[in-house]
Amino acid sequence: MSICPKNKSSKSRRDKRRANWKMKAATLVKCSRCGALMVPHRVCKACGSYNKKQVVNVD
């Protein structure tokens, strides 16, 4: 069974629903060891550290 709407939704009502589908810029923070910009709660790609500890060797 598929969903069958009882009444037609107007364009304004439909578009109000879609108004919150916005793109937003990714949040970036400075790495605590090297100062490079990185995504929070991820390993730094520049130095390989997480939570002030070296976890990955970056060559």
N, C-alpha and C. Protein backbone atom coordinates (compact mmCIF):
# COMPACT_ATOMS: atom_id res chain seq x y z
N MET A 1 0.83 -1.18 0.00
CA MET A 1 0.00 0.00 0.00
C MET A 1 0.87 1.24 0.00
N SER A 2 0.56 2.16 -0.86
CA SER A 2 1.29 3.42 -0.88
C SER A 2 0.47 4.50 -0.18
N ILE A 3 1.15 5.57 0.16
CA ILE A 3 0.49 6.67 0.84
C ILE A 3 -0.34 7.44 -0.19
N CYS A 4 -1.58 7.76 0.17
CA CYS A 4 -2.47 8.47 -0.74
C CYS A 4 -2.99 9.72 -0.03
N PRO A 5 -2.53 10.91 -0.44
CA PRO A 5 -2.97 12.12 0.26
C PRO A 5 -4.45 12.40 0.03
N LYS A 6 -5.14 12.87 1.09
CA LYS A 6 -6.57 13.16 0.98
C LYS A 6 -6.82 14.45 0.19
N ASN A 7 -5.95 15.46 0.41
CA ASN A 7 -6.13 16.75 -0.25
C ASN A 7 -4.83 17.18 -0.90
N LYS A 8 -4.94 18.07 -1.88
CA LYS A 8 -3.75 18.58 -2.55
C LYS A 8 -3.03 19.55 -1.63
N SER A 9 -1.69 19.41 -1.55
CA SER A 9 -0.89 20.37 -0.82
C SER A 9 -0.54 21.53 -1.74
N SER A 10 -0.74 22.74 -1.26
CA SER A 10 -0.43 23.91 -2.09
C SER A 10 1.08 24.06 -2.26
N LYS A 11 1.46 24.84 -3.24
CA LYS A 11 2.89 25.05 -3.50
C LYS A 11 3.55 25.74 -2.32
N SER A 12 2.86 26.68 -1.69
CA SER A 12 3.47 27.39 -0.56
C SER A 12 3.65 26.45 0.63
N ARG A 13 2.70 25.58 0.88
CA ARG A 13 2.83 24.63 1.99
C ARG A 13 3.96 23.64 1.73
N ARG A 14 4.04 23.17 0.49
CA ARG A 14 5.11 22.24 0.10
C ARG A 14 6.48 22.92 0.23
N ASP A 15 6.58 24.16 -0.24
CA ASP A 15 7.86 24.86 -0.21
C ASP A 15 8.26 25.27 1.20
N LYS A 16 7.30 25.51 2.09
CA LYS A 16 7.62 25.79 3.49
C LYS A 16 8.29 24.59 4.12
N ARG A 17 7.83 23.42 3.77
CA ARG A 17 8.43 22.19 4.30
C ARG A 17 9.87 22.04 3.83
N ARG A 18 10.12 22.44 2.59
CA ARG A 18 11.45 22.28 2.00
C ARG A 18 12.39 23.43 2.33
N ALA A 19 11.91 24.45 3.02
CA ALA A 19 12.71 25.65 3.27
C ALA A 19 13.88 25.37 4.20
N ASN A 20 13.83 24.32 4.99
CA ASN A 20 14.89 24.04 5.96
C ASN A 20 15.96 23.12 5.42
N TRP A 21 15.91 22.75 4.16
CA TRP A 21 16.93 21.89 3.55
C TRP A 21 18.06 22.75 3.02
N LYS A 22 18.83 23.32 3.92
CA LYS A 22 19.90 24.23 3.51
C LYS A 22 21.25 23.54 3.65
N MET A 23 22.17 23.94 2.81
CA MET A 23 23.55 23.50 2.97
C MET A 23 24.21 24.45 3.96
N LYS A 24 25.11 23.93 4.78
CA LYS A 24 25.86 24.81 5.66
C LYS A 24 27.33 24.44 5.60
N ALA A 25 28.15 25.40 5.88
CA ALA A 25 29.59 25.18 5.83
C ALA A 25 30.01 24.23 6.94
N ALA A 26 31.00 23.40 6.66
CA ALA A 26 31.49 22.46 7.65
C ALA A 26 32.17 23.20 8.79
N THR A 27 31.99 22.71 10.01
CA THR A 27 32.62 23.30 11.18
C THR A 27 34.08 22.89 11.22
N LEU A 28 34.96 23.87 11.37
CA LEU A 28 36.39 23.60 11.44
C LEU A 28 36.95 24.19 12.73
N VAL A 29 37.89 23.47 13.34
CA VAL A 29 38.57 23.94 14.54
C VAL A 29 40.07 23.82 14.33
N LYS A 30 40.85 24.51 15.16
CA LYS A 30 42.31 24.41 15.07
C LYS A 30 42.78 23.18 15.81
N CYS A 31 43.75 22.48 15.23
CA CYS A 31 44.36 21.33 15.88
C CYS A 31 45.13 21.82 17.11
N SER A 32 45.04 21.08 18.22
CA SER A 32 45.70 21.51 19.44
C SER A 32 47.22 21.33 19.38
N ARG A 33 47.72 20.50 18.47
CA ARG A 33 49.17 20.29 18.36
C ARG A 33 49.81 21.14 17.28
N CYS A 34 49.25 21.11 16.07
CA CYS A 34 49.92 21.81 14.96
C CYS A 34 49.22 23.10 14.53
N GLY A 35 47.97 23.30 14.95
CA GLY A 35 47.25 24.52 14.60
C GLY A 35 46.56 24.49 13.26
N ALA A 36 46.61 23.36 12.54
CA ALA A 36 45.95 23.26 11.24
C ALA A 36 44.44 23.16 11.44
N LEU A 37 43.65 23.60 10.45
CA LEU A 37 42.21 23.48 10.53
C LEU A 37 41.80 22.04 10.29
N MET A 38 40.87 21.55 11.11
CA MET A 38 40.42 20.16 11.00
C MET A 38 38.97 20.06 11.44
N VAL A 39 38.30 18.98 11.09
CA VAL A 39 36.94 18.71 11.53
C VAL A 39 37.00 18.24 12.98
N PRO A 40 36.15 18.75 13.87
CA PRO A 40 36.23 18.35 15.26
C PRO A 40 35.94 16.86 15.46
N HIS A 41 36.56 16.28 16.48
CA HIS A 41 36.40 14.88 16.86
C HIS A 41 36.88 13.92 15.77
N ARG A 42 37.88 14.33 15.01
CA ARG A 42 38.50 13.48 14.00
C ARG A 42 40.01 13.59 14.15
N VAL A 43 40.74 12.64 13.59
CA VAL A 43 42.20 12.70 13.60
C VAL A 43 42.64 13.81 12.66
N CYS A 44 43.64 14.59 13.09
CA CYS A 44 44.17 15.67 12.27
C CYS A 44 44.92 15.07 11.08
N LYS A 45 44.60 15.53 9.87
CA LYS A 45 45.26 15.01 8.68
C LYS A 45 46.68 15.54 8.54
N ALA A 46 46.97 16.69 9.15
CA ALA A 46 48.29 17.29 9.02
C ALA A 46 49.33 16.60 9.90
N CYS A 47 48.97 16.34 11.16
CA CYS A 47 49.97 15.78 12.08
C CYS A 47 49.60 14.39 12.61
N GLY A 48 48.39 13.91 12.40
CA GLY A 48 48.00 12.58 12.83
C GLY A 48 47.71 12.45 14.31
N SER A 49 47.33 13.56 14.96
CA SER A 49 47.05 13.50 16.40
C SER A 49 45.56 13.59 16.66
N TYR A 50 45.16 13.07 17.82
CA TYR A 50 43.78 13.18 18.29
C TYR A 50 43.83 13.33 19.79
N ASN A 51 43.15 14.35 20.30
CA ASN A 51 43.10 14.61 21.74
C ASN A 51 44.51 14.77 22.32
N LYS A 52 45.36 15.53 21.63
CA LYS A 52 46.73 15.84 22.02
C LYS A 52 47.63 14.61 22.10
N LYS A 53 47.24 13.51 21.45
CA LYS A 53 48.06 12.30 21.42
C LYS A 53 48.32 11.90 19.97
N GLN A 54 49.52 11.43 19.69
CA GLN A 54 49.86 10.96 18.34
C GLN A 54 49.23 9.58 18.15
N VAL A 55 48.34 9.45 17.16
CA VAL A 55 47.67 8.17 16.93
C VAL A 55 47.96 7.60 15.55
N VAL A 56 48.36 8.44 14.60
CA VAL A 56 48.63 7.98 13.24
C VAL A 56 49.95 8.58 12.79
N ASN A 57 50.79 7.76 12.16
CA ASN A 57 52.03 8.27 11.59
C ASN A 57 51.74 8.89 10.23
N VAL A 58 52.05 10.17 10.09
CA VAL A 58 51.85 10.88 8.82
C VAL A 58 53.20 11.05 8.16
N ASP A 59 53.33 10.53 6.95
CA ASP A 59 54.60 10.64 6.23
C ASP A 59 54.57 11.74 5.22
